[in-house]
């Protein structure tokens, strides 16, 4: 009679939970986010004035700070992306990307609410216009960054991301 029993709802939740917290998905998300942000940063680092013009189009950052802001964002994207790819301080790199994505979402919402049409600046100058679909995409990327921050265990990383005190606490030898 047990063979005909329908699966319990909790079984499905456990399967999804294991999938979301698994090493394989974490590695795929880490490499995907890292590669995407390195790719996005290349044109911005190569043409900082073009990206600064995109930043100015949002009319959020003061004109005098737009060049510094553009340089900071592009180099942060590049460094955080490289760190995710090689697995160096992975949680911190994913956190930096999450902060960038939250900032991008807020900026795009502000532009759309004001009814402005601007180049998003996502992959350098001449990209797509800011849109609600772009916000959905950035929320999906933000979710991926949060999953990497939360569940990264150092698998396939240069640096495991674990604190030294954590291993000592569980060690039976003192």
Protein backbone atom coordinates (compact mmCIF):
# COMPACT_ATOMS: atom_id res chain seq x y z
CA UNK A 1 0.00 0.00 0.00
CA UNK A 2 2.95 2.34 0.60
CA UNK A 3 3.98 2.07 -3.05
CA UNK A 4 0.79 3.89 -4.11
CA UNK A 5 1.18 6.65 -1.54
CA UNK A 6 1.51 10.16 -2.96
CA UNK A 7 4.71 11.98 -2.04
CA UNK A 8 4.52 14.32 0.91
CA UNK A 9 4.79 18.04 0.16
CA UNK A 10 7.76 18.28 2.48
CA UNK A 11 9.68 15.87 0.25
CA UNK A 12 9.42 18.33 -2.65
CA UNK A 13 10.51 21.21 -0.45
CA UNK A 14 13.52 19.20 0.69
CA UNK A 15 14.47 18.42 -2.90
CA UNK A 16 14.23 22.09 -3.89
CA UNK A 17 16.14 23.08 -0.77
CA UNK A 18 18.95 20.64 -1.57
CA UNK A 19 19.04 21.87 -5.17
CA UNK A 20 19.29 25.54 -4.15
CA UNK A 21 21.96 24.88 -1.55
CA UNK A 22 23.94 22.35 -3.60
CA UNK A 23 27.56 22.74 -4.61
CA UNK A 24 26.91 22.30 -8.32
CA UNK A 25 24.33 25.07 -8.59
CA UNK A 26 26.46 27.34 -6.43
CA UNK A 27 29.46 26.81 -8.69
CA UNK A 28 27.38 27.43 -11.84
CA UNK A 29 25.88 30.62 -10.37
CA UNK A 30 29.28 31.79 -9.17
CA UNK A 31 30.91 31.29 -12.58
CA UNK A 32 27.93 32.75 -14.44
CA UNK A 33 27.79 35.89 -12.28
CA UNK A 34 31.55 36.31 -12.41
CA UNK A 35 31.69 35.92 -16.18
CA UNK A 36 28.74 38.23 -16.75
CA UNK A 37 30.19 41.00 -14.59
CA UNK A 38 33.67 40.67 -16.11
CA UNK A 39 32.10 40.89 -19.57
CA UNK A 40 30.00 43.90 -18.55
CA UNK A 41 33.02 45.65 -17.01
CA UNK A 42 35.33 45.32 -20.04
CA UNK A 43 33.68 48.00 -22.17
CA UNK A 44 33.21 50.28 -19.14
CA UNK A 45 36.86 50.02 -18.11
CA UNK A 46 37.99 50.47 -21.72
CA UNK A 47 35.77 53.54 -22.25
CA UNK A 48 35.26 55.23 -18.87
CA UNK A 49 34.03 58.48 -20.41
CA UNK A 50 31.30 56.66 -22.33
CA UNK A 51 30.14 54.94 -19.18
CA UNK A 52 30.31 58.24 -17.27
CA UNK A 53 27.96 59.70 -19.90
CA UNK A 54 25.52 56.83 -19.24
CA UNK A 55 25.76 57.53 -15.50
CA UNK A 56 25.03 61.22 -16.11
CA UNK A 57 21.91 60.25 -18.10
CA UNK A 58 20.30 58.90 -14.92
CA UNK A 59 20.58 62.35 -13.27
CA UNK A 60 21.12 60.78 -9.84
CA UNK A 61 24.83 61.26 -9.21
CA UNK A 62 26.08 64.89 -9.20
CA UNK A 63 27.89 65.81 -12.40
CA UNK A 64 31.15 66.48 -10.53
CA UNK A 65 31.16 62.93 -9.11
CA UNK A 66 29.97 61.06 -12.21
CA UNK A 67 33.49 60.22 -13.48
CA UNK A 68 34.62 58.91 -10.09
CA UNK A 69 31.38 56.97 -9.68
CA UNK A 70 31.69 55.43 -13.16
CA UNK A 71 35.29 54.37 -12.51
CA UNK A 72 34.38 52.91 -9.12
CA UNK A 73 31.45 50.90 -10.48
CA UNK A 74 33.31 49.53 -13.51
CA UNK A 75 36.40 48.46 -11.55
CA UNK A 76 34.27 46.98 -8.75
CA UNK A 77 32.38 44.94 -11.35
CA UNK A 78 35.64 43.71 -12.87
CA UNK A 79 37.35 42.82 -9.59
CA UNK A 80 34.29 41.19 -8.04
CA UNK A 81 33.69 39.19 -11.23
CA UNK A 82 37.27 37.94 -11.35
CA UNK A 83 37.13 37.07 -7.64
CA UNK A 84 33.97 35.03 -8.21
CA UNK A 85 35.50 33.16 -11.14
CA UNK A 86 38.68 32.17 -9.33
CA UNK A 87 36.93 31.68 -6.00
CA UNK A 88 38.82 34.26 -3.98
CA UNK A 89 36.78 35.74 -1.11
CA UNK A 90 33.70 34.48 -2.90
CA UNK A 91 31.09 35.61 -0.38
CA UNK A 92 32.52 39.12 -0.25
CA UNK A 93 32.64 39.31 -4.05
CA UNK A 94 29.04 38.09 -4.30
CA UNK A 95 28.12 40.67 -1.66
CA UNK A 96 29.72 43.43 -3.70
CA UNK A 97 27.80 42.30 -6.77
CA UNK A 98 24.57 42.15 -4.73
CA UNK A 99 25.13 45.73 -3.58
CA UNK A 100 25.79 46.83 -7.17
CA UNK A 101 22.63 45.08 -8.37
CA UNK A 102 20.51 46.66 -5.62
CA UNK A 103 21.93 50.03 -6.62
CA UNK A 104 21.18 49.35 -10.31
CA UNK A 105 17.61 48.32 -9.49
CA UNK A 106 17.03 51.48 -7.45
CA UNK A 107 18.50 53.69 -10.19
CA UNK A 108 16.39 52.08 -12.92
CA UNK A 109 13.22 52.35 -10.84
CA UNK A 110 13.93 56.05 -10.22
CA UNK A 111 14.44 56.70 -13.93
CA UNK A 112 11.31 54.80 -14.95
CA UNK A 113 9.14 56.49 -12.32
CA UNK A 114 10.33 59.88 -13.59
CA UNK A 115 9.41 58.84 -17.14
CA UNK A 116 12.95 59.23 -18.49
CA UNK A 117 14.37 57.21 -21.38
CA UNK A 118 18.06 56.44 -20.84
CA UNK A 119 20.65 53.96 -22.03
CA UNK A 120 20.96 51.46 -19.18
CA UNK A 121 24.77 51.41 -19.42
CA UNK A 122 24.72 47.71 -18.55
CA UNK A 123 27.29 46.55 -21.07
CA UNK A 124 28.79 49.87 -21.97
CA UNK A 125 27.42 52.64 -24.12
CA UNK A 126 24.83 51.89 -26.79
CA UNK A 127 23.05 49.09 -24.91
CA UNK A 128 19.38 48.67 -24.23
CA UNK A 129 17.11 51.28 -22.67
CA UNK A 130 16.18 51.09 -19.00
CA UNK A 131 12.94 49.08 -18.65
CA UNK A 132 10.87 47.11 -16.17
CA UNK A 133 12.18 43.91 -17.79
CA UNK A 134 15.68 45.04 -16.86
CA UNK A 135 14.55 45.28 -13.24
CA UNK A 136 13.25 41.69 -13.38
CA UNK A 137 16.58 40.54 -14.83
CA UNK A 138 18.52 42.36 -12.11
CA UNK A 139 16.32 40.82 -9.40
CA UNK A 140 17.10 37.37 -10.82
CA UNK A 141 20.82 38.19 -10.76
CA UNK A 142 20.46 39.56 -7.23
CA UNK A 143 18.84 36.29 -6.16
CA UNK A 144 21.77 34.38 -7.66
CA UNK A 145 24.26 36.60 -5.82
CA UNK A 146 22.41 36.06 -2.54
CA UNK A 147 22.43 32.28 -3.07
CA UNK A 148 26.19 32.38 -3.68
CA UNK A 149 26.71 34.51 -0.56
CA UNK A 150 24.53 32.30 1.59
CA UNK A 151 25.49 28.80 0.46
CA UNK A 152 29.05 29.00 -0.86
CA UNK A 153 31.17 26.45 0.99
CA UNK A 154 34.43 27.03 -0.84
CA UNK A 155 33.92 24.27 -3.41
CA UNK A 156 36.31 24.72 -6.38
CA UNK A 157 37.69 27.93 -4.88
CA UNK A 158 41.17 29.30 -4.34
CA UNK A 159 40.03 30.51 -0.92
CA UNK A 160 37.43 28.47 0.95
CA UNK A 161 35.67 31.47 2.47
CA UNK A 162 35.53 29.82 5.87
CA UNK A 163 36.88 31.51 8.95
CA UNK A 164 39.76 29.79 10.72
CA UNK A 165 37.85 29.78 14.00
CA UNK A 166 35.03 27.75 12.52
CA UNK A 167 37.21 24.68 11.86
CA UNK A 168 38.80 24.87 15.30
CA UNK A 169 35.45 24.94 17.03
CA UNK A 170 34.46 21.56 15.58
CA UNK A 171 37.87 20.00 15.96
CA UNK A 172 38.23 17.41 18.74
CA UNK A 173 41.92 18.17 19.22
CA UNK A 174 42.94 21.31 21.06
